[in-house]
N, C-alpha and C. Protein backbone atom coordinates (compact mmCIF):
# COMPACT_ATOMS: atom_id res chain seq x y z
N UNK A 1 -3.83 5.86 28.15
CA UNK A 1 -3.60 4.58 28.34
C UNK A 1 -3.20 3.73 29.34
N UNK A 2 -3.35 2.72 30.10
CA UNK A 2 -2.63 2.27 31.09
C UNK A 2 -1.42 1.71 30.75
N UNK A 3 -0.41 1.98 31.89
CA UNK A 3 0.87 1.70 31.36
C UNK A 3 1.17 0.27 31.25
N UNK A 4 0.33 -0.88 31.41
CA UNK A 4 0.33 -2.01 31.23
C UNK A 4 -0.16 -2.38 30.04
N UNK A 5 -0.95 -1.82 29.22
CA UNK A 5 -1.34 -1.77 28.08
C UNK A 5 -0.24 -2.21 26.91
N UNK A 6 -0.56 -3.02 26.11
CA UNK A 6 0.27 -3.59 24.85
C UNK A 6 0.52 -2.50 23.85
N UNK A 7 -0.14 -1.35 24.11
CA UNK A 7 -0.32 -0.10 23.03
C UNK A 7 0.35 0.99 23.69
N UNK A 8 0.51 0.82 24.96
CA UNK A 8 1.02 2.00 25.45
C UNK A 8 2.83 2.18 24.84
N UNK A 9 2.84 3.40 24.72
CA UNK A 9 4.46 3.59 24.03
C UNK A 9 5.58 3.37 25.37
N UNK A 10 6.39 2.48 24.76
CA UNK A 10 7.57 2.08 25.82
C UNK A 10 8.38 3.06 25.75
N UNK A 11 8.81 4.05 24.91
CA UNK A 11 9.52 5.05 24.95
C UNK A 11 8.95 6.60 24.75
N UNK A 12 9.17 7.47 25.15
CA UNK A 12 8.26 8.64 24.69
C UNK A 12 8.63 9.12 22.92
N UNK A 13 7.54 9.70 22.47
CA UNK A 13 7.88 10.04 21.00
C UNK A 13 8.98 10.87 20.97
N UNK A 14 9.62 11.00 19.92
CA UNK A 14 10.20 12.16 19.70
C UNK A 14 10.20 13.52 19.52
N UNK A 15 10.80 14.27 19.86
CA UNK A 15 10.18 15.62 19.87
C UNK A 15 9.77 16.11 18.25
N UNK A 16 10.68 15.29 17.46
CA UNK A 16 10.31 16.00 15.79
C UNK A 16 8.78 15.52 15.53
N UNK A 17 8.24 16.10 14.19
CA UNK A 17 7.00 15.64 14.19
C UNK A 17 7.51 14.50 12.83
N UNK A 18 6.38 13.70 12.67
CA UNK A 18 6.44 12.83 11.35
C UNK A 18 5.34 13.15 10.47
N UNK A 19 5.29 13.02 9.16
CA UNK A 19 4.28 13.45 8.40
C UNK A 19 3.92 11.93 7.86
N UNK A 20 2.50 11.70 7.99
CA UNK A 20 2.01 10.39 7.56
C UNK A 20 0.94 10.16 6.76
N UNK A 21 1.35 9.98 5.69
CA UNK A 21 -0.17 9.92 4.66
C UNK A 21 -0.50 8.39 4.56
N UNK A 22 -1.73 8.34 4.33
CA UNK A 22 -2.45 7.35 4.73
C UNK A 22 -3.62 7.19 3.52
N UNK A 23 -3.69 6.21 2.51
CA UNK A 23 -4.87 6.40 1.59
C UNK A 23 -5.19 4.75 1.31
N UNK A 24 -6.58 4.93 1.13
CA UNK A 24 -7.25 3.54 0.84
C UNK A 24 -7.72 3.03 -0.64
N UNK A 25 -7.57 2.02 -1.11
CA UNK A 25 -7.94 1.84 -2.74
C UNK A 25 -9.43 1.52 -2.55
N UNK A 26 -9.97 1.68 -3.76
CA UNK A 26 -9.49 1.34 -4.98
C UNK A 26 -8.80 2.47 -5.52
N UNK A 27 -7.90 2.07 -6.25
CA UNK A 27 -6.88 3.32 -6.87
C UNK A 27 -7.21 3.27 -8.34
N UNK A 28 -8.40 2.81 -8.91
CA UNK A 28 -8.87 2.96 -10.23
C UNK A 28 -9.94 3.45 -10.42
N UNK A 29 -10.39 4.48 -11.58
CA UNK A 29 -11.91 4.74 -11.47
C UNK A 29 -12.78 3.30 -12.02
N UNK A 30 -14.05 3.66 -11.67
CA UNK A 30 -14.97 2.68 -11.97
C UNK A 30 -15.05 2.33 -13.46
N UNK A 31 -14.60 3.00 -14.43
CA UNK A 31 -14.79 2.94 -15.73
C UNK A 31 -13.37 2.15 -16.28
N UNK A 32 -12.47 1.82 -15.79
CA UNK A 32 -11.50 1.79 -16.46
C UNK A 32 -10.18 1.07 -15.27
N UNK A 33 -9.04 0.43 -15.84
CA UNK A 33 -7.94 0.18 -14.67
C UNK A 33 -6.69 0.80 -15.20
N UNK A 34 -6.87 2.09 -15.53
CA UNK A 34 -5.72 3.13 -15.88
C UNK A 34 -5.26 3.37 -14.60
N UNK A 35 -5.58 3.66 -13.27
CA UNK A 35 -4.73 3.96 -12.20
C UNK A 35 -4.45 5.71 -12.08
N UNK A 36 -5.43 6.26 -12.69
CA UNK A 36 -5.29 7.66 -12.71
C UNK A 36 -5.75 8.04 -11.29
N UNK A 37 -6.30 7.51 -10.18
CA UNK A 37 -6.32 8.27 -8.85
C UNK A 37 -4.79 7.84 -8.41
N UNK A 38 -4.58 6.82 -8.58
CA UNK A 38 -3.07 6.63 -8.07
C UNK A 38 -2.05 7.35 -8.65
N UNK A 39 -2.09 7.80 -9.86
CA UNK A 39 -0.97 8.61 -10.36
C UNK A 39 -1.04 9.80 -9.68
N UNK A 40 -2.16 10.48 -9.24
CA UNK A 40 -2.84 11.83 -8.39
C UNK A 40 -1.97 11.51 -7.10
N UNK A 41 -2.32 10.37 -6.58
CA UNK A 41 -1.74 10.26 -5.04
C UNK A 41 -0.33 10.34 -5.35
N UNK A 42 0.37 9.58 -6.14
CA UNK A 42 2.14 9.47 -6.39
C UNK A 42 2.40 11.02 -6.71
N UNK A 43 1.76 11.75 -7.11
CA UNK A 43 2.09 13.17 -7.47
C UNK A 43 2.09 14.01 -6.18
N UNK A 44 1.30 13.64 -5.08
CA UNK A 44 1.12 14.58 -3.74
C UNK A 44 2.25 13.56 -3.23
N UNK A 45 2.40 12.31 -3.12
CA UNK A 45 3.69 11.89 -2.25
C UNK A 45 4.79 12.41 -2.67
N UNK A 46 5.37 12.83 -4.20
CA UNK A 46 6.52 13.58 -4.48
C UNK A 46 6.62 14.94 -4.09
N UNK A 47 5.33 15.64 -4.02
CA UNK A 47 5.41 17.10 -3.76
C UNK A 47 5.38 17.21 -2.16
N UNK A 48 4.63 16.13 -1.65
CA UNK A 48 4.76 16.72 0.17
C UNK A 48 5.85 15.67 0.93
N UNK A 49 6.30 14.87 0.38
CA UNK A 49 7.55 14.09 1.00
C UNK A 49 7.33 13.35 1.96
N UNK A 50 6.06 12.71 2.51
CA UNK A 50 5.93 12.43 3.61
C UNK A 50 6.99 11.04 4.27
N UNK A 51 7.09 11.25 5.74
CA UNK A 51 8.14 10.10 6.15
C UNK A 51 7.57 8.93 5.73
N UNK A 52 6.17 8.58 5.97
CA UNK A 52 5.41 7.16 6.16
C UNK A 52 4.36 7.37 5.09
N UNK A 53 4.21 6.45 4.05
CA UNK A 53 3.02 6.51 3.11
C UNK A 53 2.44 5.00 3.56
N UNK A 54 1.22 5.09 4.11
CA UNK A 54 0.21 3.83 4.07
C UNK A 54 -0.74 3.72 3.25
N UNK A 55 -0.52 2.63 2.07
CA UNK A 55 -1.50 2.39 1.22
C UNK A 55 -1.98 1.14 1.84
N UNK A 56 -3.60 0.97 1.46
CA UNK A 56 -4.47 -0.21 2.00
C UNK A 56 -5.11 -0.43 0.89
N UNK A 57 -5.42 -1.45 0.42
CA UNK A 57 -5.84 -1.91 -0.48
C UNK A 57 -7.57 -1.90 -0.42
N UNK A 58 -8.17 -2.20 -1.31
CA UNK A 58 -7.64 -3.12 -2.68
C UNK A 58 -7.02 -2.44 -3.82
N UNK A 59 -5.73 -2.94 -4.37
CA UNK A 59 -5.06 -2.32 -5.39
C UNK A 59 -5.86 -2.86 -6.56
N UNK A 60 -6.21 -4.01 -6.86
CA UNK A 60 -6.75 -4.32 -8.21
C UNK A 60 -8.11 -5.08 -7.51
N UNK A 61 -9.15 -3.98 -7.81
CA UNK A 61 -10.30 -4.78 -6.69
C UNK A 61 -11.09 -6.05 -7.44
N UNK A 62 -11.45 -6.79 -6.86
CA UNK A 62 -12.24 -7.70 -7.29
C UNK A 62 -13.81 -7.48 -7.54
N UNK A 63 -14.09 -6.38 -7.15
CA UNK A 63 -15.55 -5.85 -7.30
C UNK A 63 -15.31 -4.68 -8.60
N UNK A 64 -14.67 -4.77 -9.26
CA UNK A 64 -14.40 -3.86 -10.60
C UNK A 64 -14.73 -4.37 -11.78
N UNK A 65 -15.74 -3.76 -12.55
CA UNK A 65 -16.39 -3.95 -13.55
C UNK A 65 -15.58 -4.61 -14.65
N UNK A 66 -14.40 -4.30 -14.92
CA UNK A 66 -13.59 -4.93 -15.77
C UNK A 66 -12.85 -6.68 -15.30
N UNK A 67 -12.82 -6.56 -13.95
CA UNK A 67 -12.28 -7.64 -13.45
C UNK A 67 -13.29 -8.65 -13.19
N UNK A 68 -14.56 -8.04 -13.01
CA UNK A 68 -15.78 -8.92 -12.70
C UNK A 68 -16.10 -9.72 -14.21
N UNK A 69 -15.88 -8.97 -15.35
CA UNK A 69 -15.95 -9.23 -16.75
C UNK A 69 -14.82 -9.73 -17.48
N UNK A 70 -13.80 -9.84 -16.77
CA UNK A 70 -12.72 -10.50 -17.31
C UNK A 70 -12.07 -9.69 -18.51
N UNK A 71 -12.33 -8.55 -18.39
CA UNK A 71 -11.80 -7.60 -19.57
C UNK A 71 -10.53 -6.91 -19.46
N UNK A 72 -9.60 -7.42 -18.56
CA UNK A 72 -8.35 -6.75 -18.50
C UNK A 72 -7.09 -7.48 -19.55
N UNK A 73 -6.40 -6.74 -20.15
CA UNK A 73 -5.45 -7.21 -21.07
C UNK A 73 -4.42 -7.95 -20.65
N UNK A 74 -4.32 -8.15 -19.24
CA UNK A 74 -3.28 -9.13 -18.63
C UNK A 74 -3.79 -9.96 -17.58
N UNK A 75 -3.23 -10.81 -16.96
CA UNK A 75 -3.73 -11.69 -16.01
C UNK A 75 -3.76 -10.78 -14.47
N UNK A 76 -4.80 -11.06 -13.64
CA UNK A 76 -4.71 -10.36 -12.34
C UNK A 76 -3.12 -10.12 -11.86
N UNK A 77 -2.77 -11.27 -11.95
CA UNK A 77 -0.88 -11.02 -11.24
C UNK A 77 -0.23 -10.12 -12.10
N UNK A 78 -0.53 -10.04 -13.38
CA UNK A 78 0.44 -8.94 -14.05
C UNK A 78 0.23 -7.51 -13.65
N UNK A 79 -1.29 -7.40 -13.68
CA UNK A 79 -1.90 -5.96 -13.39
C UNK A 79 -1.44 -5.62 -12.24
N UNK A 80 -1.50 -6.35 -11.19
CA UNK A 80 -1.49 -5.96 -9.60
C UNK A 80 0.34 -5.93 -9.75
N UNK A 81 0.90 -6.57 -10.55
CA UNK A 81 2.55 -6.57 -10.06
C UNK A 81 2.55 -5.34 -10.86
N UNK A 82 2.10 -4.37 -11.83
CA UNK A 82 2.46 -3.60 -12.68
C UNK A 82 2.04 -1.93 -11.59
N UNK A 83 0.80 -2.38 -10.97
CA UNK A 83 0.22 -1.31 -9.93
C UNK A 83 1.32 -1.37 -8.96
N UNK A 84 1.80 -2.59 -8.08
CA UNK A 84 2.77 -2.42 -7.22
C UNK A 84 4.37 -1.49 -7.60
N UNK A 85 4.58 -1.99 -8.87
CA UNK A 85 6.05 -1.24 -9.29
C UNK A 85 5.79 0.31 -9.58
N UNK A 86 4.49 0.47 -10.07
CA UNK A 86 4.24 1.98 -10.14
C UNK A 86 4.12 2.65 -8.86
N UNK A 87 3.69 2.13 -7.86
CA UNK A 87 3.77 2.57 -6.59
C UNK A 87 5.21 2.96 -5.83
N UNK A 88 5.96 1.69 -6.15
CA UNK A 88 7.35 1.71 -5.64
C UNK A 88 8.08 2.73 -6.45
N UNK A 89 8.20 2.81 -7.49
CA UNK A 89 8.97 3.48 -8.28
C UNK A 89 8.47 5.05 -8.01
N UNK A 90 7.14 5.34 -7.82
CA UNK A 90 6.47 6.50 -7.86
C UNK A 90 7.03 7.46 -6.56
N UNK A 91 7.30 6.39 -5.72
CA UNK A 91 7.52 7.00 -4.19
C UNK A 91 9.07 7.23 -3.93
N UNK A 92 9.74 6.62 -5.00
CA UNK A 92 11.17 6.37 -4.47
C UNK A 92 11.97 7.85 -4.58
N UNK A 93 11.74 8.77 -5.18
CA UNK A 93 12.55 9.76 -5.20
C UNK A 93 12.16 10.81 -3.88
N UNK A 94 10.98 10.40 -3.47
CA UNK A 94 10.52 11.10 -2.14
C UNK A 94 11.08 10.56 -1.01
N UNK A 95 11.41 9.30 -0.78
CA UNK A 95 12.61 8.76 0.06
C UNK A 95 11.37 8.18 1.34
N UNK A 96 9.83 8.25 1.18
CA UNK A 96 9.00 7.79 2.08
C UNK A 96 9.07 6.32 2.32
N UNK A 97 9.14 6.05 3.51
CA UNK A 97 8.78 4.62 4.09
C UNK A 97 7.45 4.19 3.38
N UNK A 98 7.25 3.12 2.84
CA UNK A 98 6.34 2.52 2.02
C UNK A 98 5.53 1.34 2.84
N UNK A 99 4.12 1.42 3.23
CA UNK A 99 3.51 0.25 3.58
C UNK A 99 2.42 -0.22 3.08
N UNK A 100 2.59 -1.30 2.62
CA UNK A 100 1.39 -1.77 1.73
C UNK A 100 0.65 -2.86 2.49
N UNK A 101 -0.58 -2.46 2.53
CA UNK A 101 -1.62 -3.43 3.33
C UNK A 101 -2.55 -3.99 2.52
N UNK A 102 -2.72 -5.39 2.58
CA UNK A 102 -3.86 -6.02 1.56
C UNK A 102 -5.26 -5.76 1.80
N UNK A 103 -6.19 -6.06 0.93
CA UNK A 103 -7.32 -6.11 1.07
C UNK A 103 -8.03 -7.28 1.00
N UNK A 104 -9.12 -7.90 1.30
CA UNK A 104 -9.99 -8.94 1.18
C UNK A 104 -10.56 -8.81 0.05
N UNK A 105 -10.45 -7.78 -0.91
CA UNK A 105 -11.18 -7.30 -2.24
C UNK A 105 -9.99 -7.51 -3.22
N UNK A 106 -8.55 -7.69 -2.58
CA UNK A 106 -7.89 -7.36 -3.73
C UNK A 106 -7.68 -8.96 -4.61
N UNK A 107 -8.14 -8.79 -5.88
CA UNK A 107 -8.41 -10.08 -6.56
C UNK A 107 -6.96 -10.93 -6.90
N UNK A 108 -5.93 -10.70 -6.77
CA UNK A 108 -4.99 -11.51 -7.29
C UNK A 108 -4.06 -11.87 -5.74
N UNK A 109 -4.69 -11.79 -4.44
CA UNK A 109 -4.09 -12.14 -3.31
C UNK A 109 -5.22 -12.93 -2.53
N UNK A 110 -4.84 -13.57 -1.55
CA UNK A 110 -5.38 -14.47 -0.82
C UNK A 110 -6.73 -14.04 -0.08
N UNK A 111 -7.79 -14.65 -0.43
CA UNK A 111 -9.17 -14.47 0.16
C UNK A 111 -9.12 -15.25 1.52
N UNK A 112 -8.47 -15.00 2.34
CA UNK A 112 -8.46 -15.56 3.89
C UNK A 112 -8.16 -14.40 4.94
N UNK A 113 -8.45 -14.25 6.19
CA UNK A 113 -8.53 -13.59 7.21
C UNK A 113 -8.10 -14.31 8.47
N UNK A 114 -6.88 -13.74 8.91
CA UNK A 114 -6.01 -12.45 8.73
C UNK A 114 -5.32 -12.97 7.39
N UNK A 115 -5.01 -12.05 6.44
CA UNK A 115 -4.43 -12.11 5.29
C UNK A 115 -2.83 -11.82 5.47
N UNK A 116 -1.87 -12.70 4.62
CA UNK A 116 -0.54 -12.59 4.73
C UNK A 116 -0.08 -11.50 3.89
N UNK A 117 0.97 -10.88 4.03
CA UNK A 117 1.40 -9.94 3.30
C UNK A 117 1.50 -10.41 1.69
N UNK A 118 1.80 -9.23 1.20
CA UNK A 118 1.87 -9.45 -0.40
C UNK A 118 3.23 -10.14 -0.76
N UNK A 119 3.16 -11.11 -1.45
CA UNK A 119 4.47 -11.68 -2.07
C UNK A 119 5.07 -11.02 -3.29
N UNK A 120 6.31 -10.70 -3.08
CA UNK A 120 6.67 -9.70 -3.96
C UNK A 120 8.32 -10.14 -3.83
N UNK A 121 8.51 -11.52 -4.34
CA UNK A 121 10.06 -11.74 -4.43
C UNK A 121 11.13 -10.65 -5.32
N UNK A 122 10.50 -10.07 -6.29
CA UNK A 122 11.44 -9.34 -7.31
C UNK A 122 11.40 -7.96 -6.85
N UNK A 123 10.95 -7.77 -5.56
CA UNK A 123 11.17 -6.28 -5.19
C UNK A 123 12.70 -5.78 -5.28
N UNK A 124 12.83 -4.58 -5.74
CA UNK A 124 14.39 -4.10 -6.26
C UNK A 124 15.24 -4.07 -4.71
N UNK A 125 16.45 -4.41 -4.87
CA UNK A 125 17.25 -4.11 -3.51
C UNK A 125 17.45 -3.09 -3.02
N UNK A 126 17.39 -1.92 -3.97
CA UNK A 126 17.20 -0.30 -3.41
C UNK A 126 16.23 0.01 -2.60
N UNK A 127 14.86 -0.83 -2.54
CA UNK A 127 13.73 -0.56 -2.32
C UNK A 127 13.46 -1.44 -1.03
N UNK A 128 14.23 -2.46 -0.67
CA UNK A 128 13.98 -3.46 0.15
C UNK A 128 14.07 -2.56 1.64
N UNK A 129 14.87 -1.73 2.17
CA UNK A 129 14.86 -0.97 3.29
C UNK A 129 13.45 -0.01 3.43
N UNK A 130 12.97 0.49 2.47
CA UNK A 130 11.99 1.58 2.76
C UNK A 130 10.85 0.84 2.56
N UNK A 131 10.49 -0.43 1.84
CA UNK A 131 8.81 -0.89 1.55
C UNK A 131 8.87 -2.04 2.46
N UNK A 132 7.66 -1.92 3.31
CA UNK A 132 7.20 -2.79 4.12
C UNK A 132 5.83 -3.59 3.64
N UNK A 133 6.00 -4.60 3.21
CA UNK A 133 4.69 -5.58 3.17
C UNK A 133 4.16 -5.97 4.42
N UNK A 134 3.12 -5.70 4.68
CA UNK A 134 2.43 -6.16 6.21
C UNK A 134 1.26 -7.13 5.73
N UNK A 135 0.82 -7.73 7.05
CA UNK A 135 -0.56 -8.53 6.82
C UNK A 135 -1.78 -7.63 7.23
N UNK A 136 -2.86 -8.19 7.18
CA UNK A 136 -4.18 -7.53 7.48
C UNK A 136 -4.52 -8.47 8.42
N UNK A 137 -4.85 -8.06 9.62
CA UNK A 137 -4.63 -6.94 10.57
C UNK A 137 -3.07 -6.78 10.60
N UNK A 138 -2.57 -5.68 11.23
CA UNK A 138 -1.14 -5.59 11.57
C UNK A 138 -1.14 -4.31 12.56
N UNK A 139 -0.21 -4.33 13.19
CA UNK A 139 0.14 -3.05 14.26
C UNK A 139 1.31 -2.57 13.82
N UNK A 140 1.33 -1.27 13.72
CA UNK A 140 2.66 -0.36 12.89
C UNK A 140 3.01 0.25 14.30
N UNK A 141 4.32 0.27 14.46
CA UNK A 141 4.89 1.16 15.53
C UNK A 141 6.15 2.18 14.58
N UNK A 142 5.60 3.59 14.35
CA UNK A 142 6.26 4.14 13.59
C UNK A 142 6.92 5.31 14.78
N UNK A 143 8.37 5.08 14.52
CA UNK A 143 9.16 5.74 15.74
C UNK A 143 9.01 4.97 17.04
């Protein structure tokens, strides 16, 4: 990259390596909203303990069969909030920095582009330093 590029690193990268795990939703199987793929992902995070875990939506997909037919047992907001709590609690023991990026297909979020970050006012205090809710699109600077 040219040195005057906004994406050119201003400082050299640190000598130590960083493990970054990136996963993209939807995190449910097509026949239910039990979030089994998400549970499998959280097991990988707990096992591998990445420094940064970037999760891109959709977290509750607007195109999901049960969402389109309104067969969920709770409101879109409640199911989505449960999903976020599961992710945050499931990554807490690994100590990973968690970055959550919305999707235009997230049923409980704004359908505008660019998208604002997810609102999550009841984010536990102990997680506020490690959980980053970002807009779509965004630029991340890791280290």
